[in-house]
Amino acid sequence: MSADVRREFVLTLSCADRLGIVHAVSGFLAEHHCNIVDSQQFSDRLDGRFFMRVHVQSESPEVTLEALQVKFAPVGAAFGMDWQLRDLSNRQRLMVLVSKQDHCLNDLLYRCRVGAIPADIVAVVSNHPDAGSMVESVGVPFHHLPVTPETRTTQEERILDLITKAGVDLVVLARYMQVLSHELCEKLVGRAINIHHSFLPSFKGARPYHQAYERGVKLIGATAHYVTETLDEGPIIEQEVARVDHALTPAKLAAVGRDLECLALARAVTWHLEHRVILNGTRTVVFR
């Protein structure tokens, strides 16, 4: 069988740490004609949890995702695993939520277009019309859904409807300046990523870089995290920082911050799509 038609899969798992997990997983894969391309694992000694990501390539044309999932189920059950097995040929679909600031959106559109992010942006939703012409110029559907406190429920129902109809795998909040409801957060657990304009959850609200300037900060950054109902405090996936000094005006701080936001968000989205991120309570394990 030629290498260019071999199917590739990624197995991720977490469970209570105990003897024999790696042996069971590698033995299963060998038995089912899957060659290990890359394998990473982590044992959290404080929590007693074990985490693993295995990227494999099939050596037989008979190997299918569905068959592997059925056959691995007893192994997962024997060790009490929370596991997922995915086919890497299934290209994932993204929805991006944005408000007026479009730097992260523009960066994601470009990275998806050139293949740096392995996914397709199938919809962009905004509560403002500003990004519409840019999005439509690259052939991506743009949906202007204004929102007020009175219309929030209806607007979020329309977002959920778009997610379902477009078959969206991941929702990315690319500087979407609206707080998602408890109901929407629950429906998007583990499949919505937000970018926060701070290294830590500080300087909340409007004009964060002006606040940073007024406090004379020497380090600024950005944090990409999973969305939860607690504002800007979901499990962190990636952070990026830069040293700054007194010579930078608020406008220059914001320019540096925009670059950091784009980079942190792009990395977080890419790692999620490559199945490198495993939730560990309020934290994450990221196999880079």
C-alpha atoms as a PDB file:
ATOM      1  CA  MET A   1       0.000   0.000   0.000  1.00  0.00           C
ATOM      2  CA  SER A   2       1.529   3.334  -1.020  1.00  0.00           C
ATOM      3  CA  ALA A   3       2.297   5.845   1.730  1.00  0.00           C
ATOM      4  CA  ASP A   4       0.229   8.606   0.145  1.00  0.00           C
ATOM      5  CA  VAL A   5      -3.063   6.746   0.655  1.00  0.00           C
ATOM      6  CA  ARG A   6      -2.478   5.581   4.209  1.00  0.00           C
ATOM      7  CA  ARG A   7      -5.054   6.944   6.619  1.00  0.00           C
ATOM      8  CA  GLU A   8      -3.859   8.737   9.726  1.00  0.00           C
ATOM      9  CA  PHE A   9      -5.573   8.832  13.105  1.00  0.00           C
ATOM     10  CA  VAL A  10      -5.023  10.527  16.451  1.00  0.00           C
ATOM     11  CA  LEU A  11      -5.928   8.861  19.744  1.00  0.00           C
ATOM     12  CA  THR A  12      -6.151  11.056  22.844  1.00  0.00           C
ATOM     13  CA  LEU A  13      -6.966   9.786  26.306  1.00  0.00           C
ATOM     14  CA  SER A  14      -6.914  10.524  29.995  1.00  0.00           C
ATOM     15  CA  CYS A  15      -7.516   8.236  32.956  1.00  0.00           C
ATOM     16  CA  ALA A  16      -6.322   7.381  36.419  1.00  0.00           C
ATOM     17  CA  ASP A  17      -2.625   6.562  36.239  1.00  0.00           C
ATOM     18  CA  ARG A  18      -1.810   2.881  36.615  1.00  0.00           C
ATOM     19  CA  LEU A  19       0.539   0.217  35.316  1.00  0.00           C
ATOM     20  CA  GLY A  20       0.029  -1.089  31.795  1.00  0.00           C
ATOM     21  CA  ILE A  21      -1.695   1.795  29.976  1.00  0.00           C
ATOM     22  CA  VAL A  22       1.022   2.402  27.373  1.00  0.00           C
ATOM     23  CA  HIS A  23       1.459  -1.343  26.837  1.00  0.00           C
ATOM     24  CA  ALA A  24      -2.279  -1.790  26.257  1.00  0.00           C
ATOM     25  CA  VAL A  25      -2.504   1.130  23.826  1.00  0.00           C
ATOM     26  CA  SER A  26       0.596   0.290  21.801  1.00  0.00           C
ATOM     27  CA  GLY A  27      -0.334  -3.391  21.700  1.00  0.00           C
ATOM     28  CA  PHE A  28      -3.812  -2.555  20.422  1.00  0.00           C
ATOM     29  CA  LEU A  29      -2.434  -0.313  17.694  1.00  0.00           C
ATOM     30  CA  ALA A  30       0.114  -2.886  16.544  1.00  0.00           C
ATOM     31  CA  GLU A  31      -2.548  -5.598  16.508  1.00  0.00           C
ATOM     32  CA  HIS A  32      -4.719  -3.446  14.267  1.00  0.00           C
ATOM     33  CA  HIS A  33      -1.985  -2.521  11.777  1.00  0.00           C
ATOM     34  CA  CYS A  34      -1.399   1.049  12.958  1.00  0.00           C
ATOM     35  CA  ASN A  35       2.165   2.338  12.952  1.00  0.00           C
ATOM     36  CA  ILE A  36       2.935   4.964  15.617  1.00  0.00           C
ATOM     37  CA  VAL A  37       4.182   8.186  14.001  1.00  0.00           C
ATOM     38  CA  ASP A  38       4.346  10.228  17.209  1.00  0.00           C
ATOM     39  CA  SER A  39       3.473   9.516  20.836  1.00  0.00           C
ATOM     40  CA  GLN A  40       3.402  11.843  23.828  1.00  0.00           C
ATOM     41  CA  GLN A  41       2.330  11.189  27.388  1.00  0.00           C
ATOM     42  CA  PHE A  42       2.193  12.914  30.752  1.00  0.00           C
ATOM     43  CA  SER A  43       1.621  11.592  34.242  1.00  0.00           C
ATOM     44  CA  ASP A  44       0.288  14.219  36.644  1.00  0.00           C
ATOM     45  CA  ARG A  45       1.711  12.989  39.935  1.00  0.00           C
ATOM     46  CA  LEU A  46      -0.239  15.522  41.984  1.00  0.00           C
ATOM     47  CA  ASP A  47      -3.628  14.461  40.625  1.00  0.00           C
ATOM     48  CA  GLY A  48      -2.780  10.857  39.744  1.00  0.00           C
ATOM     49  CA  ARG A  49      -4.022  11.340  36.167  1.00  0.00           C
ATOM     50  CA  PHE A  50      -2.420  10.040  32.977  1.00  0.00           C
ATOM     51  CA  PHE A  51      -2.679  11.779  29.597  1.00  0.00           C
ATOM     52  CA  MET A  52      -1.642  10.502  26.181  1.00  0.00           C
ATOM     53  CA  ARG A  53      -1.736  11.521  22.506  1.00  0.00           C
ATOM     54  CA  VAL A  54      -0.796   9.023  19.806  1.00  0.00           C
ATOM     55  CA  HIS A  55      -0.606   9.844  16.098  1.00  0.00           C
ATOM     56  CA  VAL A  56      -0.717   6.705  13.955  1.00  0.00           C
ATOM     57  CA  GLN A  57      -0.705   5.708  10.296  1.00  0.00           C
ATOM     58  CA  SER A  58      -2.623   2.727   9.015  1.00  0.00           C
ATOM     59  CA  GLU A  59      -0.691  -0.074   7.351  1.00  0.00           C
ATOM     60  CA  SER A  60      -3.797  -1.774   5.961  1.00  0.00           C
ATOM     61  CA  PRO A  61      -6.543  -0.495   3.620  1.00  0.00           C
ATOM     62  CA  GLU A  62      -9.105  -2.267   5.792  1.00  0.00           C
ATOM     63  CA  VAL A  63      -8.433   0.010   8.778  1.00  0.00           C
ATOM     64  CA  THR A  64     -11.278   2.496   9.290  1.00  0.00           C
ATOM     65  CA  LEU A  65     -12.075   4.989  12.008  1.00  0.00           C
ATOM     66  CA  GLU A  66     -15.355   3.326  12.860  1.00  0.00           C
ATOM     67  CA  ALA A  67     -13.775  -0.116  13.202  1.00  0.00           C
ATOM     68  CA  LEU A  68     -10.973   1.186  15.408  1.00  0.00           C
ATOM     69  CA  GLN A  69     -13.426   3.032  17.651  1.00  0.00           C
ATOM     70  CA  VAL A  70     -15.526  -0.090  18.177  1.00  0.00           C
ATOM     71  CA  LYS A  71     -12.517  -2.304  18.835  1.00  0.00           C
ATOM     72  CA  PHE A  72     -10.793   0.151  21.189  1.00  0.00           C
ATOM     73  CA  ALA A  73     -13.875   0.592  23.374  1.00  0.00           C
ATOM     74  CA  PRO A  74     -13.079  -2.452  25.597  1.00  0.00           C
ATOM     75  CA  VAL A  75      -9.535  -1.160  26.178  1.00  0.00           C
ATOM     76  CA  GLY A  76     -10.876   2.242  27.140  1.00  0.00           C
ATOM     77  CA  ALA A  77     -13.439   0.682  29.470  1.00  0.00           C
ATOM     78  CA  ALA A  78     -10.847  -1.548  31.155  1.00  0.00           C
ATOM     79  CA  PHE A  79      -8.797   1.488  32.196  1.00  0.00           C
ATOM     80  CA  GLY A  80     -11.707   3.904  32.752  1.00  0.00           C
ATOM     81  CA  MET A  81     -10.430   6.140  29.958  1.00  0.00           C
ATOM     82  CA  ASP A  82     -11.939   9.330  28.639  1.00  0.00           C
ATOM     83  CA  TRP A  83     -10.787   8.857  25.049  1.00  0.00           C
ATOM     84  CA  GLN A  84     -11.309  10.111  21.509  1.00  0.00           C
ATOM     85  CA  LEU A  85     -10.106   8.607  18.240  1.00  0.00           C
ATOM     86  CA  ARG A  86     -10.201  10.868  15.191  1.00  0.00           C
ATOM     87  CA  ASP A  87      -9.404  10.636  11.479  1.00  0.00           C
ATOM     88  CA  LEU A  88      -6.969  13.395  10.446  1.00  0.00           C
ATOM     89  CA  SER A  89      -8.376  13.457   6.910  1.00  0.00           C
ATOM     90  CA  ASN A  90     -11.600  14.994   8.263  1.00  0.00           C
ATOM     91  CA  ARG A  91     -11.002  18.717   7.746  1.00  0.00           C
ATOM     92  CA  GLN A  92     -12.651  20.700  10.526  1.00  0.00           C
ATOM     93  CA  ARG A  93     -15.000  23.653  10.181  1.00  0.00           C
ATOM     94  CA  LEU A  94     -14.692  26.921  12.109  1.00  0.00           C
ATOM     95  CA  MET A  95     -17.064  29.737  12.966  1.00  0.00           C
ATOM     96  CA  VAL A  96     -15.477  33.023  14.027  1.00  0.00           C
ATOM     97  CA  LEU A  97     -17.284  35.549  16.241  1.00  0.00           C
ATOM     98  CA  VAL A  98     -15.977  39.113  16.043  1.00  0.00           C
ATOM     99  CA  SER A  99     -16.983  42.650  16.967  1.00  0.00           C
ATOM    100  CA  LYS A 100     -15.245  45.759  15.586  1.00  0.00           C
ATOM    101  CA  GLN A 101     -11.571  44.856  16.046  1.00  0.00           C
ATOM    102  CA  ASP A 102     -10.710  42.528  13.173  1.00  0.00           C
ATOM    103  CA  HIS A 103      -6.977  41.843  13.508  1.00  0.00           C
ATOM    104  CA  CYS A 104      -7.409  38.317  14.898  1.00  0.00           C
ATOM    105  CA  LEU A 105     -10.107  37.546  12.340  1.00  0.00           C
ATOM    106  CA  ASN A 106      -7.900  38.733   9.488  1.00  0.00           C
ATOM    107  CA  ASP A 107      -5.023  36.616  10.791  1.00  0.00           C
ATOM    108  CA  LEU A 108      -7.218  33.493  11.044  1.00  0.00           C
ATOM    109  CA  LEU A 109      -8.618  34.008   7.535  1.00  0.00           C
ATOM    110  CA  TYR A 110      -5.098  34.223   6.126  1.00  0.00           C
ATOM    111  CA  ARG A 111      -3.727  31.228   8.056  1.00  0.00           C
ATOM    112  CA  CYS A 112      -6.658  29.040   6.996  1.00  0.00           C
ATOM    113  CA  ARG A 113      -6.346  30.151   3.387  1.00  0.00           C
ATOM    114  CA  VAL A 114      -2.641  29.254   3.142  1.00  0.00           C
ATOM    115  CA  GLY A 115      -3.006  26.010   5.100  1.00  0.00           C
ATOM    116  CA  ALA A 116      -1.164  27.093   8.243  1.00  0.00           C
ATOM    117  CA  ILE A 117      -4.307  26.262  10.216  1.00  0.00           C
ATOM    118  CA  PRO A 118      -5.810  22.906   9.124  1.00  0.00           C
ATOM    119  CA  ALA A 119      -9.444  24.005   8.871  1.00  0.00           C
ATOM    120  CA  ASP A 120     -12.007  25.961   6.880  1.00  0.00           C
ATOM    121  CA  ILE A 121     -13.763  29.055   8.169  1.00  0.00           C
ATOM    122  CA  VAL A 122     -17.358  28.430   7.103  1.00  0.00           C
ATOM    123  CA  ALA A 123     -18.987  31.438   8.772  1.00  0.00           C
ATOM    124  CA  VAL A 124     -18.160  34.723  10.465  1.00  0.00           C
ATOM    125  CA  VAL A 125     -20.702  36.244  12.847  1.00  0.00           C
ATOM    126  CA  SER A 126     -20.514  39.794  14.151  1.00  0.00           C
ATOM    127  CA  ASN A 127     -22.663  42.128  16.184  1.00  0.00           C
ATOM    128  CA  HIS A 128     -21.329  44.958  13.992  1.00  0.00           C
ATOM    129  CA  PRO A 129     -21.197  45.252  10.167  1.00  0.00           C
ATOM    130  CA  ASP A 130     -17.606  46.545  10.014  1.00  0.00           C
ATOM    131  CA  ALA A 131     -15.844  43.299   8.999  1.00  0.00           C
ATOM    132  CA  GLY A 132     -18.408  42.331   6.378  1.00  0.00           C
ATOM    133  CA  SER A 133     -16.618  43.530   3.242  1.00  0.00           C
ATOM    134  CA  MET A 134     -13.290  41.966   4.279  1.00  0.00           C
ATOM    135  CA  VAL A 135     -14.871  38.605   5.037  1.00  0.00           C
ATOM    136  CA  GLU A 136     -17.005  38.468   1.899  1.00  0.00           C
ATOM    137  CA  SER A 137     -14.006  39.452  -0.265  1.00  0.00           C
ATOM    138  CA  VAL A 138     -12.408  36.067   0.537  1.00  0.00           C
ATOM    139  CA  GLY A 139     -15.610  34.122  -0.109  1.00  0.00           C
ATOM    140  CA  VAL A 140     -16.628  33.421   3.495  1.00  0.00           C
ATOM    141  CA  PRO A 141     -20.286  33.946   4.525  1.00  0.00           C
ATOM    142  CA  PHE A 142     -20.723  36.937   6.848  1.00  0.00           C
ATOM    143  CA  HIS A 143     -23.656  37.188   9.241  1.00  0.00           C
ATOM    144  CA  HIS A 144     -24.426  40.508  10.904  1.00  0.00           C
ATOM    145  CA  LEU A 145     -26.381  39.702  14.067  1.00  0.00           C
ATOM    146  CA  PRO A 146     -26.810  42.828  16.218  1.00  0.00           C
ATOM    147  CA  VAL A 147     -27.424  42.236  19.897  1.00  0.00           C
ATOM    148  CA  THR A 148     -28.939  44.156  22.781  1.00  0.00           C
ATOM    149  CA  PRO A 149     -29.787  42.983  26.295  1.00  0.00           C
ATOM    150  CA  GLU A 150     -33.353  42.481  25.102  1.00  0.00           C
ATOM    151  CA  THR A 151     -32.429  40.492  21.981  1.00  0.00           C
ATOM    152  CA  ARG A 152     -29.526  38.420  23.353  1.00  0.00           C
ATOM    153  CA  THR A 153     -31.513  35.189  23.623  1.00  0.00           C
ATOM    154  CA  THR A 154     -32.800  35.443  20.051  1.00  0.00           C
ATOM    155  CA  GLN A 155     -29.357  36.366  18.717  1.00  0.00           C
ATOM    156  CA  GLU A 156     -27.701  33.408  20.428  1.00  0.00           C
ATOM    157  CA  GLU A 157     -30.402  31.087  19.087  1.00  0.00           C
ATOM    158  CA  ARG A 158     -29.499  32.259  15.588  1.00  0.00           C
ATOM    159  CA  ILE A 159     -25.818  31.608  16.298  1.00  0.00           C
ATOM    160  CA  LEU A 160     -26.617  28.069  17.453  1.00  0.00           C
ATOM    161  CA  ASP A 161     -28.729  27.533  14.362  1.00  0.00           C
ATOM    162  CA  LEU A 162     -25.821  28.599  12.149  1.00  0.00           C
ATOM    163  CA  ILE A 163     -23.462  26.289  14.064  1.00  0.00           C
ATOM    164  CA  THR A 164     -25.778  23.341  13.444  1.00  0.00           C
ATOM    165  CA  LYS A 165     -26.520  24.083   9.784  1.00  0.00           C
ATOM    166  CA  ALA A 166     -22.858  24.734   8.900  1.00  0.00           C
ATOM    167  CA  GLY A 167     -21.592  21.676  10.791  1.00  0.00           C
ATOM    168  CA  VAL A 168     -19.229  23.803  12.889  1.00  0.00           C
ATOM    169  CA  ASP A 169     -16.593  21.932  14.902  1.00  0.00           C
ATOM    170  CA  LEU A 170     -14.996  24.887  16.698  1.00  0.00           C
ATOM    171  CA  VAL A 171     -16.183  28.404  17.542  1.00  0.00           C
ATOM    172  CA  VAL A 172     -13.472  31.062  17.854  1.00  0.00           C
ATOM    173  CA  LEU A 173     -14.130  34.334  19.662  1.00  0.00           C
ATOM    174  CA  ALA A 174     -11.706  36.656  17.864  1.00  0.00           C
ATOM    175  CA  ARG A 175     -12.206  39.785  19.992  1.00  0.00           C
ATOM    176  CA  TYR A 176     -15.963  39.261  20.231  1.00  0.00           C
ATOM    177  CA  MET A 177     -16.891  41.835  22.837  1.00  0.00           C
ATOM    178  CA  GLN A 178     -20.003  40.120  24.138  1.00  0.00           C
ATOM    179  CA  VAL A 179     -20.425  37.833  27.131  1.00  0.00           C
ATOM    180  CA  LEU A 180     -21.960  34.498  26.144  1.00  0.00           C
ATOM    181  CA  SER A 181     -24.897  33.254  28.176  1.00  0.00           C
ATOM    182  CA  HIS A 182     -24.702  30.319  30.563  1.00  0.00           C
ATOM    183  CA  GLU A 183     -26.828  28.266  28.159  1.00  0.00           C
ATOM    184  CA  LEU A 184     -24.589  28.920  25.150  1.00  0.00           C
ATOM    185  CA  CYS A 185     -21.410  28.267  27.149  1.00  0.00           C
ATOM    186  CA  GLU A 186     -22.792  24.900  28.238  1.00  0.00           C
ATOM    187  CA  LYS A 187     -23.546  23.901  24.650  1.00  0.00           C
ATOM    188  CA  LEU A 188     -20.047  24.865  23.503  1.00  0.00           C
ATOM    189  CA  VAL A 189     -17.991  23.261  26.296  1.00  0.00           C
ATOM    190  CA  GLY A 190     -14.589  22.263  24.957  1.00  0.00           C
ATOM    191  CA  ARG A 191     -15.263  23.604  21.462  1.00  0.00           C
ATOM    192  CA  ALA A 192     -15.107  27.383  21.851  1.00  0.00           C
ATOM    193  CA  ILE A 193     -11.860  29.344  22.223  1.00  0.00           C
ATOM    194  CA  ASN A 194     -11.503  32.984  23.248  1.00  0.00           C
ATOM    195  CA  ILE A 195      -8.590  35.426  23.157  1.00  0.00           C
ATOM    196  CA  HIS A 196      -8.130  37.680  26.179  1.00  0.00           C
ATOM    197  CA  HIS A 197      -6.040  40.848  25.916  1.00  0.00           C
ATOM    198  CA  SER A 198      -3.928  40.159  28.972  1.00  0.00           C
ATOM    199  CA  PHE A 199      -1.249  37.801  30.206  1.00  0.00           C
ATOM    200  CA  LEU A 200      -3.467  37.230  33.237  1.00  0.00           C
ATOM    201  CA  PRO A 201      -7.166  38.053  33.782  1.00  0.00           C
ATOM    202  CA  SER A 202      -6.540  41.709  34.613  1.00  0.00           C
ATOM    203  CA  PHE A 203      -7.292  45.067  33.013  1.00  0.00           C
ATOM    204  CA  LYS A 204     -10.823  43.949  32.223  1.00  0.00           C
ATOM    205  CA  GLY A 205     -13.256  46.134  30.345  1.00  0.00           C
ATOM    206  CA  ALA A 206     -12.658  48.966  27.924  1.00  0.00           C
ATOM    207  CA  ARG A 207      -9.273  50.417  26.885  1.00  0.00           C
ATOM    208  CA  PRO A 208      -7.073  47.739  28.500  1.00  0.00           C
ATOM    209  CA  TYR A 209      -3.845  49.105  27.009  1.00  0.00           C
ATOM    210  CA  HIS A 210      -4.600  52.554  28.405  1.00  0.00           C
ATOM    211  CA  GLN A 211      -5.023  50.918  31.806  1.00  0.00           C
ATOM    212  CA  ALA A 212      -1.697  49.119  31.321  1.00  0.00           C
ATOM    213  CA  TYR A 213      -0.009  52.384  30.343  1.00  0.00           C
ATOM    214  CA  GLU A 214      -1.389  54.193  33.386  1.00  0.00           C
ATOM    215  CA  ARG A 215      -0.072  51.410  35.655  1.00  0.00           C
ATOM    216  CA  GLY A 216       3.358  51.489  34.012  1.00  0.00           C
ATOM    217  CA  VAL A 217       3.425  47.786  33.234  1.00  0.00           C
ATOM    218  CA  LYS A 218       6.631  46.219  31.972  1.00  0.00           C
ATOM    219  CA  LEU A 219       5.119  43.034  30.576  1.00  0.00           C
ATOM    220  CA  ILE A 220       2.019  42.674  28.408  1.00  0.00           C
ATOM    221  CA  GLY A 221       0.534  39.601  26.834  1.00  0.00           C
ATOM    222  CA  ALA A 222      -2.457  37.677  25.559  1.00  0.00           C
ATOM    223  CA  THR A 223      -4.193  34.534  26.773  1.00  0.00           C
ATOM    224  CA  ALA A 224      -6.101  32.035  24.614  1.00  0.00           C
ATOM    225  CA  HIS A 225      -8.475  29.877  26.622  1.00  0.00           C
ATOM    226  CA  TYR A 226     -11.579  27.754  26.390  1.00  0.00           C
ATOM    227  CA  VAL A 227     -14.832  29.618  26.897  1.00  0.00           C
ATOM    228  CA  THR A 228     -16.677  29.150  30.176  1.00  0.00           C
ATOM    229  CA  GLU A 229     -19.463  31.094  31.810  1.00  0.00           C
ATOM    230  CA  THR A 230     -16.893  32.699  34.130  1.00  0.00           C
ATOM    231  CA  LEU A 231     -15.632  35.610  32.058  1.00  0.00           C
ATOM    232  CA  ASP A 232     -12.038  35.221  30.798  1.00  0.00           C
ATOM    233  CA  GLU A 233     -11.208  32.464  33.289  1.00  0.00           C
ATOM    234  CA  GLY A 234     -11.589  29.277  31.230  1.00  0.00           C
ATOM    235  CA  PRO A 235      -8.829  26.631  30.961  1.00  0.00           C
ATOM    236  CA  ILE A 236      -5.769  28.290  29.420  1.00  0.00           C
ATOM    237  CA  ILE A 237      -4.358  26.838  26.198  1.00  0.00           C
ATOM    238  CA  GLU A 238      -1.643  29.338  25.263  1.00  0.00           C
ATOM    239  CA  GLN A 239      -0.134  32.631  26.411  1.00  0.00           C
ATOM    240  CA  GLU A 240       2.236  35.009  24.641  1.00  0.00           C
ATOM    241  CA  VAL A 241       4.103  37.920  26.233  1.00  0.00           C
ATOM    242  CA  ALA A 242       6.373  40.835  25.323  1.00  0.00           C
ATOM    243  CA  ARG A 243       8.495  43.168  27.439  1.00  0.00           C
ATOM    244  CA  VAL A 244       7.607  46.853  27.140  1.00  0.00           C
ATOM    245  CA  ASP A 245       8.833  50.073  28.720  1.00  0.00           C
ATOM    246  CA  HIS A 246       7.998  53.687  29.433  1.00  0.00           C
ATOM    247  CA  ALA A 247       8.648  54.788  25.842  1.00  0.00           C
ATOM    248  CA  LEU A 248       5.580  53.017  24.445  1.00  0.00           C
ATOM    249  CA  THR A 249       2.403  55.061  24.185  1.00  0.00           C
ATOM    250  CA  PRO A 250      -0.998  53.423  24.654  1.00  0.00           C
ATOM    251  CA  ALA A 251      -1.317  53.184  20.861  1.00  0.00           C
ATOM    252  CA  LYS A 252       2.041  51.418  20.566  1.00  0.00           C
ATOM    253  CA  LEU A 253       1.174  49.102  23.447  1.00  0.00           C
ATOM    254  CA  ALA A 254      -2.043  48.213  21.640  1.00  0.00           C
ATOM    255  CA  ALA A 255      -0.099  47.495  18.427  1.00  0.00           C
ATOM    256  CA  VAL A 256       2.212  45.105  20.277  1.00  0.00           C
ATOM    257  CA  GLY A 257      -0.805  43.580  21.980  1.00  0.00           C
ATOM    258  CA  ARG A 258      -2.585  42.936  18.674  1.00  0.00           C
ATOM    259  CA  ASP A 259       0.379  40.892  17.446  1.00  0.00           C
ATOM    260  CA  LEU A 260       0.455  38.899  20.682  1.00  0.00           C
ATOM    261  CA  GLU A 261      -3.287  38.224  20.478  1.00  0.00           C
ATOM    262  CA  CYS A 262      -3.020  36.945  16.907  1.00  0.00           C
ATOM    263  CA  LEU A 263      -0.122  34.649  17.729  1.00  0.00           C
ATOM    264  CA  ALA A 264      -1.591  33.185  20.922  1.00  0.00           C
ATOM    265  CA  LEU A 265      -4.983  32.608  19.311  1.00  0.00           C
ATOM    266  CA  ALA A 266      -3.552  31.013  16.165  1.00  0.00           C
ATOM    267  CA  ARG A 267      -1.469  28.600  18.226  1.00  0.00           C
ATOM    268  CA  ALA A 268      -4.390  27.659  20.468  1.00  0.00           C
ATOM    269  CA  VAL A 269      -6.708  27.052  17.518  1.00  0.00           C
ATOM    270  CA  THR A 270      -4.082  24.996  15.674  1.00  0.00           C
ATOM    271  CA  TRP A 271      -3.284  22.838  18.693  1.00  0.00           C
ATOM    272  CA  HIS A 272      -6.976  22.232  19.341  1.00  0.00           C
ATOM    273  CA  LEU A 273      -7.566  21.225  15.720  1.00  0.00           C
ATOM    274  CA  GLU A 274      -4.574  18.876  15.823  1.00  0.00           C
ATOM    275  CA  HIS A 275      -6.017  17.270  18.972  1.00  0.00           C
ATOM    276  CA  ARG A 276      -3.069  18.339  21.116  1.00  0.00           C
ATOM    277  CA  VAL A 277      -5.124  19.802  23.958  1.00  0.00           C
ATOM    278  CA  ILE A 278      -6.684  17.658  26.682  1.00  0.00           C
ATOM    279  CA  LEU A 279      -8.809  19.223  29.407  1.00  0.00           C
ATOM    280  CA  ASN A 280      -7.694  18.544  32.962  1.00  0.00           C
ATOM    281  CA  GLY A 281     -10.352  20.151  35.129  1.00  0.00           C
ATOM    282  CA  THR A 282      -9.690  23.893  35.123  1.00  0.00           C
ATOM    283  CA  ARG A 283      -6.353  23.346  33.381  1.00  0.00           C
ATOM    284  CA  THR A 284      -5.140  21.839  30.119  1.00  0.00           C
ATOM    285  CA  VAL A 285      -2.458  19.404  29.030  1.00  0.00           C
ATOM    286  CA  VAL A 286      -1.006  20.595  25.702  1.00  0.00           C
ATOM    287  CA  PHE A 287       1.153  18.177  23.694  1.00  0.00           C
ATOM    288  CA  ARG A 288       3.038  20.539  21.361  1.00  0.00           C
END
